[in-house]
Amino acid sequence: MTIGLRLRQLVAACMVFSLSTAAMGQVPFVPPEFYNAIRPDFGNRLPLCLLPDSTTARQDRQAAQDIASLLLLEPDVVEITADMEMLDETGIWPFIFEELAQSCMGVLGVQIIAGEMLPDWLTISRPYFEAPYVLLSADPSIRALADLAPGSRLGVPLYTPIDTEVMVAINAGTLDGVRRLPYDRPELMASLMRSGELDAAIVWEPHLDLDRLQPLDFFAFEGNVEPLRVTTRAVAVLLRTQDEMLRTMIDEAIAALETQAP
């Protein structure tokens, strides 16, 4: 009997206890009869999907390797080929659903957002990678958000928790007079900084390693995002809710890796 088969039997035996914890009421809704089908036999492999153009691809692949090794399984990273520019109003969920049903047991590089409810058929592991948000400024004297003068033009990543917190801080007067200018792509932020249309920008630190942002000649100083409370962004493995025992095993593997870290 393969390790992979024993793993699936353990998951099946514990599902009756784990399914009651699923989050409810979030669209898109997937009827249980559609995702209760048995997956292909992966044998001793632990296939995990990688999102297109993942910023943390290097960390994702390393996590896949380390987690599989601790579970005595063979790592297998499956690259999702979805065209992110062509997604309709349903977003990437249909691709995630199909991949989790046919190609992999989890999806790497998914951002953890505190308080966000996942669709009822999905669950998420503990984070395996976390990095800070940083403040890039054209003026080396600006070391933190609190140093921005009234009227400063601040680039903020759109659709992120830190963007929401910036809006709250501006409305509360904490960042008095700062002008929020949201951007949807790191390369747009770099272009606006180079052209002088932004005085400063908040960016997730791993984005600075992207080839399309090189060279890093568009800012004079890299500071912190104080006084904001959201200062980091973490990523984890997304799994089907019915795979609660597998999620527990992945969580335990990540916790073990954390204790081994220097």
Protein backbone atom coordinates (compact mmCIF):
# COMPACT_ATOMS: atom_id res chain seq x y z
CA MET A 1 0.00 0.00 0.00
CA THR A 2 1.48 3.34 -1.02
CA ILE A 3 1.97 6.21 1.42
CA GLY A 4 -0.31 8.31 -0.78
CA LEU A 5 -3.09 5.70 -0.45
CA ARG A 6 -2.68 5.55 3.34
CA LEU A 7 -2.87 9.35 3.39
CA ARG A 8 -6.15 9.34 1.49
CA GLN A 9 -7.62 6.66 3.76
CA LEU A 10 -6.70 8.74 6.81
CA VAL A 11 -8.33 11.80 5.24
CA ALA A 12 -11.50 9.84 4.46
CA ALA A 13 -11.71 8.42 8.00
CA CYS A 14 -11.54 11.88 9.56
CA MET A 15 -13.76 13.81 7.15
CA VAL A 16 -16.91 13.23 9.22
CA PHE A 17 -15.31 15.23 12.05
CA SER A 18 -13.80 17.97 9.93
CA LEU A 19 -16.56 18.97 7.53
CA SER A 20 -18.62 20.69 10.24
CA THR A 21 -16.01 23.48 10.41
CA ALA A 22 -16.56 24.67 6.80
CA ALA A 23 -17.36 28.36 6.32
CA MET A 24 -20.85 28.99 4.91
CA GLY A 25 -22.67 31.55 2.82
CA GLN A 26 -19.87 32.61 0.49
CA VAL A 27 -20.23 32.57 -3.29
CA PRO A 28 -19.47 30.89 -5.58
CA PHE A 29 -21.50 27.98 -4.14
CA VAL A 30 -20.50 24.50 -5.28
CA PRO A 31 -22.99 21.66 -4.59
CA PRO A 32 -21.31 18.88 -2.56
CA GLU A 33 -22.08 16.22 -5.15
CA PHE A 34 -19.67 17.97 -7.53
CA TYR A 35 -16.61 18.01 -5.26
CA ASN A 36 -17.12 14.73 -3.45
CA ALA A 37 -15.80 12.81 -6.45
CA ILE A 38 -12.62 10.78 -5.88
CA ARG A 39 -9.46 12.37 -7.25
CA PRO A 40 -7.00 10.53 -9.49
CA ASP A 41 -4.58 8.25 -7.67
CA PHE A 42 -1.47 10.38 -7.07
CA GLY A 43 0.43 7.49 -5.52
CA ASN A 44 3.29 8.76 -3.37
CA ARG A 45 3.18 12.25 -4.93
CA LEU A 46 1.92 15.42 -3.25
CA PRO A 47 0.88 17.56 -6.23
CA LEU A 48 0.45 21.25 -5.39
CA CYS A 49 -0.61 23.84 -7.97
CA LEU A 50 1.32 27.04 -8.62
CA LEU A 51 -0.58 30.19 -9.58
CA PRO A 52 0.36 31.92 -12.84
CA ASP A 53 3.10 34.55 -12.41
CA SER A 54 3.29 33.94 -8.67
CA THR A 55 5.42 36.61 -7.01
CA THR A 56 6.60 34.02 -4.51
CA ALA A 57 7.26 31.21 -7.01
CA ARG A 58 10.69 30.48 -5.52
CA GLN A 59 9.32 30.28 -1.98
CA ASP A 60 6.27 28.32 -3.20
CA ARG A 61 8.43 25.66 -4.84
CA GLN A 62 10.66 25.40 -1.80
CA ALA A 63 7.62 25.02 0.46
CA ALA A 64 6.24 22.27 -1.78
CA GLN A 65 9.57 20.44 -1.57
CA ASP A 66 9.90 20.81 2.21
CA ILE A 67 6.28 19.92 3.06
CA ALA A 68 6.28 16.82 0.87
CA SER A 69 9.59 15.67 2.32
CA LEU A 70 8.31 15.90 5.89
CA LEU A 71 5.18 13.96 4.89
CA LEU A 72 7.37 11.29 3.24
CA LEU A 73 5.85 12.10 -0.15
CA GLU A 74 7.30 13.13 -3.49
CA PRO A 75 6.86 16.86 -4.27
CA ASP A 76 5.11 17.72 -7.53
CA VAL A 77 4.51 21.36 -8.50
CA VAL A 78 1.76 21.72 -11.13
CA GLU A 79 1.71 25.07 -12.92
CA ILE A 80 -1.78 26.45 -13.58
CA THR A 81 -2.01 27.77 -17.14
CA ALA A 82 -5.00 30.10 -16.68
CA ASP A 83 -4.80 33.40 -18.58
CA MET A 84 -5.23 35.87 -15.71
CA GLU A 85 -6.02 38.70 -18.16
CA MET A 86 -8.98 36.82 -19.65
CA LEU A 87 -10.85 35.89 -16.48
CA ASP A 88 -14.53 36.92 -16.34
CA GLU A 89 -16.58 38.02 -13.34
CA THR A 90 -16.22 34.59 -11.72
CA GLY A 91 -12.49 35.18 -11.43
CA ILE A 92 -10.07 32.32 -10.96
CA TRP A 93 -12.42 30.14 -8.88
CA PRO A 94 -13.50 27.86 -11.78
CA PHE A 95 -9.84 27.15 -12.56
CA ILE A 96 -9.06 26.51 -8.88
CA PHE A 97 -12.04 24.15 -8.61
CA GLU A 98 -11.03 22.18 -11.69
CA GLU A 99 -7.37 21.92 -10.69
CA LEU A 100 -8.21 20.76 -7.14
CA ALA A 101 -10.52 18.13 -8.58
CA GLN A 102 -8.14 16.78 -11.20
CA SER A 103 -4.54 17.97 -10.94
CA CYS A 104 -3.47 18.82 -7.41
CA MET A 105 -4.33 18.61 -3.73
CA GLY A 106 -3.64 22.25 -2.89
CA VAL A 107 -2.77 25.62 -4.40
CA LEU A 108 0.43 27.40 -3.40
CA GLY A 109 0.99 31.13 -2.91
CA VAL A 110 -2.51 32.14 -1.79
CA GLN A 111 -2.62 35.32 0.28
CA ILE A 112 -4.04 35.11 3.80
CA ILE A 113 -6.41 38.00 4.51
CA ALA A 114 -7.55 38.31 8.11
CA GLY A 115 -11.33 38.18 8.43
CA GLU A 116 -11.94 37.13 4.82
CA MET A 117 -14.31 34.20 4.39
CA LEU A 118 -13.43 31.68 1.73
CA PRO A 119 -16.03 29.90 -0.38
CA ASP A 120 -17.56 27.09 1.68
CA TRP A 121 -15.73 24.43 -0.32
CA LEU A 122 -12.26 25.85 0.42
CA THR A 123 -9.96 26.02 3.43
CA ILE A 124 -6.43 27.35 3.90
CA SER A 125 -3.31 26.22 5.73
CA ARG A 126 -1.16 28.20 8.12
CA PRO A 127 1.30 30.53 6.34
CA TYR A 128 4.57 29.12 5.06
CA PHE A 129 6.00 32.47 3.95
CA GLU A 130 5.59 36.02 5.23
CA ALA A 131 7.26 39.26 4.16
CA PRO A 132 6.82 42.94 5.08
CA TYR A 133 5.29 45.81 3.21
CA VAL A 134 7.82 48.60 2.68
CA LEU A 135 7.59 52.28 1.89
CA LEU A 136 9.52 53.46 -1.17
CA SER A 137 10.13 57.19 -1.30
CA ALA A 138 11.67 59.66 -3.72
CA ASP A 139 12.94 61.68 -0.74
CA PRO A 140 15.54 59.90 1.45
CA SER A 141 14.35 61.86 4.48
CA ILE A 142 11.01 60.00 4.38
CA ARG A 143 11.56 56.92 6.56
CA ALA A 144 7.91 56.09 7.40
CA LEU A 145 4.37 57.04 6.42
CA ALA A 146 4.25 59.47 9.33
CA ASP A 147 6.99 61.50 7.60
CA LEU A 148 4.85 62.22 4.52
CA ALA A 149 3.90 65.88 4.19
CA PRO A 150 0.31 66.99 3.45
CA GLY A 151 -0.36 66.69 -0.26
CA SER A 152 2.10 63.82 -0.75
CA ARG A 153 1.02 61.38 -3.44
CA LEU A 154 1.11 57.85 -2.05
CA GLY A 155 0.85 54.76 -4.24
CA VAL A 156 -1.01 51.88 -2.56
CA PRO A 157 -1.62 48.33 -3.90
CA LEU A 158 -5.28 48.07 -4.89
CA TYR A 159 -7.61 45.42 -3.40
CA THR A 160 -5.34 44.69 -0.43
CA PRO A 161 -5.92 44.97 3.33
CA ILE A 162 -3.20 47.60 3.58
CA ASP A 163 -5.05 49.74 1.01
CA THR A 164 -8.14 49.61 3.20
CA GLU A 165 -6.11 50.62 6.24
CA VAL A 166 -4.56 53.56 4.37
CA MET A 167 -8.03 54.82 3.47
CA VAL A 168 -9.13 54.51 7.09
CA ALA A 169 -6.00 56.35 8.28
CA ILE A 170 -6.56 59.18 5.80
CA ASN A 171 -10.21 59.54 6.82
CA ALA A 172 -9.23 59.50 10.50
CA GLY A 173 -6.62 62.20 9.99
CA THR A 174 -3.69 59.92 10.90
CA LEU A 175 -2.22 60.57 7.45
CA ASP A 176 -3.51 64.10 7.23
CA GLY A 177 -3.48 65.52 3.70
CA VAL A 178 -1.88 62.45 2.06
CA ARG A 179 -3.34 61.64 -1.37
CA ARG A 180 -3.96 57.93 -1.97
CA LEU A 181 -3.27 56.80 -5.55
CA PRO A 182 -4.00 53.05 -5.93
CA TYR A 183 -2.13 50.87 -8.42
CA ASP A 184 -3.01 47.39 -9.61
CA ARG A 185 0.42 46.20 -10.82
CA PRO A 186 3.89 46.68 -9.30
CA GLU A 187 5.30 47.72 -12.67
CA LEU A 188 2.72 50.53 -12.87
CA MET A 189 3.88 51.74 -9.46
CA ALA A 190 7.51 51.74 -10.63
CA SER A 191 6.57 53.64 -13.80
CA LEU A 192 4.69 56.29 -11.80
CA MET A 193 7.60 56.65 -9.40
CA ARG A 194 10.07 57.07 -12.27
CA SER A 195 7.88 59.70 -13.95
CA GLY A 196 7.54 61.70 -10.73
CA GLU A 197 3.78 61.13 -10.39
CA LEU A 198 4.22 59.48 -6.99
CA ASP A 199 6.15 60.82 -4.01
CA ALA A 200 6.09 57.47 -2.22
CA ALA A 201 4.59 54.01 -2.61
CA ILE A 202 3.75 51.04 -0.43
CA VAL A 203 4.88 47.75 -1.96
CA TRP A 204 5.13 44.15 -0.79
CA GLU A 205 8.87 43.51 -0.47
CA PRO A 206 9.01 40.37 -2.70
CA HIS A 207 7.74 42.48 -5.61
CA LEU A 208 11.09 44.25 -5.63
CA ASP A 209 12.66 41.02 -6.90
CA LEU A 210 10.49 40.95 -10.02
CA ASP A 211 12.45 41.19 -13.27
CA ARG A 212 9.98 43.70 -14.68
CA LEU A 213 10.81 46.17 -11.89
CA GLN A 214 14.54 46.15 -12.52
CA PRO A 215 16.64 48.19 -12.14
CA LEU A 216 15.54 49.50 -8.77
CA ASP A 217 16.37 53.09 -9.68
CA PHE A 218 12.95 54.61 -9.09
CA PHE A 219 13.21 55.34 -5.36
CA ALA A 220 15.74 56.90 -3.00
CA PHE A 221 14.93 55.16 0.29
CA GLU A 222 13.16 52.02 1.54
CA GLY A 223 11.41 52.61 4.86
CA ASN A 224 8.59 51.11 6.92
CA VAL A 225 4.82 51.56 6.91
CA GLU A 226 4.35 52.83 10.46
CA PRO A 227 1.89 53.74 11.94
CA LEU A 228 -0.22 51.16 10.05
CA ARG A 229 -1.11 47.92 11.83
CA VAL A 230 -0.99 45.78 8.67
CA THR A 231 2.74 45.52 8.09
CA THR A 232 3.18 42.09 6.48
CA ARG A 233 1.59 39.80 3.93
CA ALA A 234 1.58 36.00 4.26
CA VAL A 235 0.87 33.19 1.81
CA ALA A 236 -0.37 29.65 2.42
CA VAL A 237 -1.76 26.53 0.75
CA LEU A 238 -5.40 26.55 -0.39
CA LEU A 239 -7.22 23.21 -0.14
CA ARG A 240 -10.70 21.74 -0.43
CA THR A 241 -12.68 21.86 2.83
CA GLN A 242 -13.21 18.11 2.70
CA ASP A 243 -9.42 17.67 2.91
CA GLU A 244 -9.33 18.97 6.49
CA MET A 245 -7.05 16.18 7.70
CA LEU A 246 -4.61 16.88 4.88
CA ARG A 247 -4.66 20.55 5.88
CA THR A 248 -3.85 19.54 9.46
CA MET A 249 -0.91 17.47 8.25
CA ILE A 250 0.37 20.33 6.10
CA ASP A 251 -0.03 22.71 9.04
CA GLU A 252 2.03 20.39 11.22
CA ALA A 253 4.70 20.12 8.53
CA ILE A 254 4.91 23.93 8.21
CA ALA A 255 5.13 24.24 12.00
CA ALA A 256 7.99 21.73 12.03
CA LEU A 257 9.77 23.68 9.31
CA GLU A 258 9.44 26.85 11.35
CA THR A 259 11.20 25.19 14.30
CA GLN A 260 14.03 24.13 11.97
CA ALA A 261 14.53 27.61 10.54
CA PRO A 262 17.76 29.33 11.63
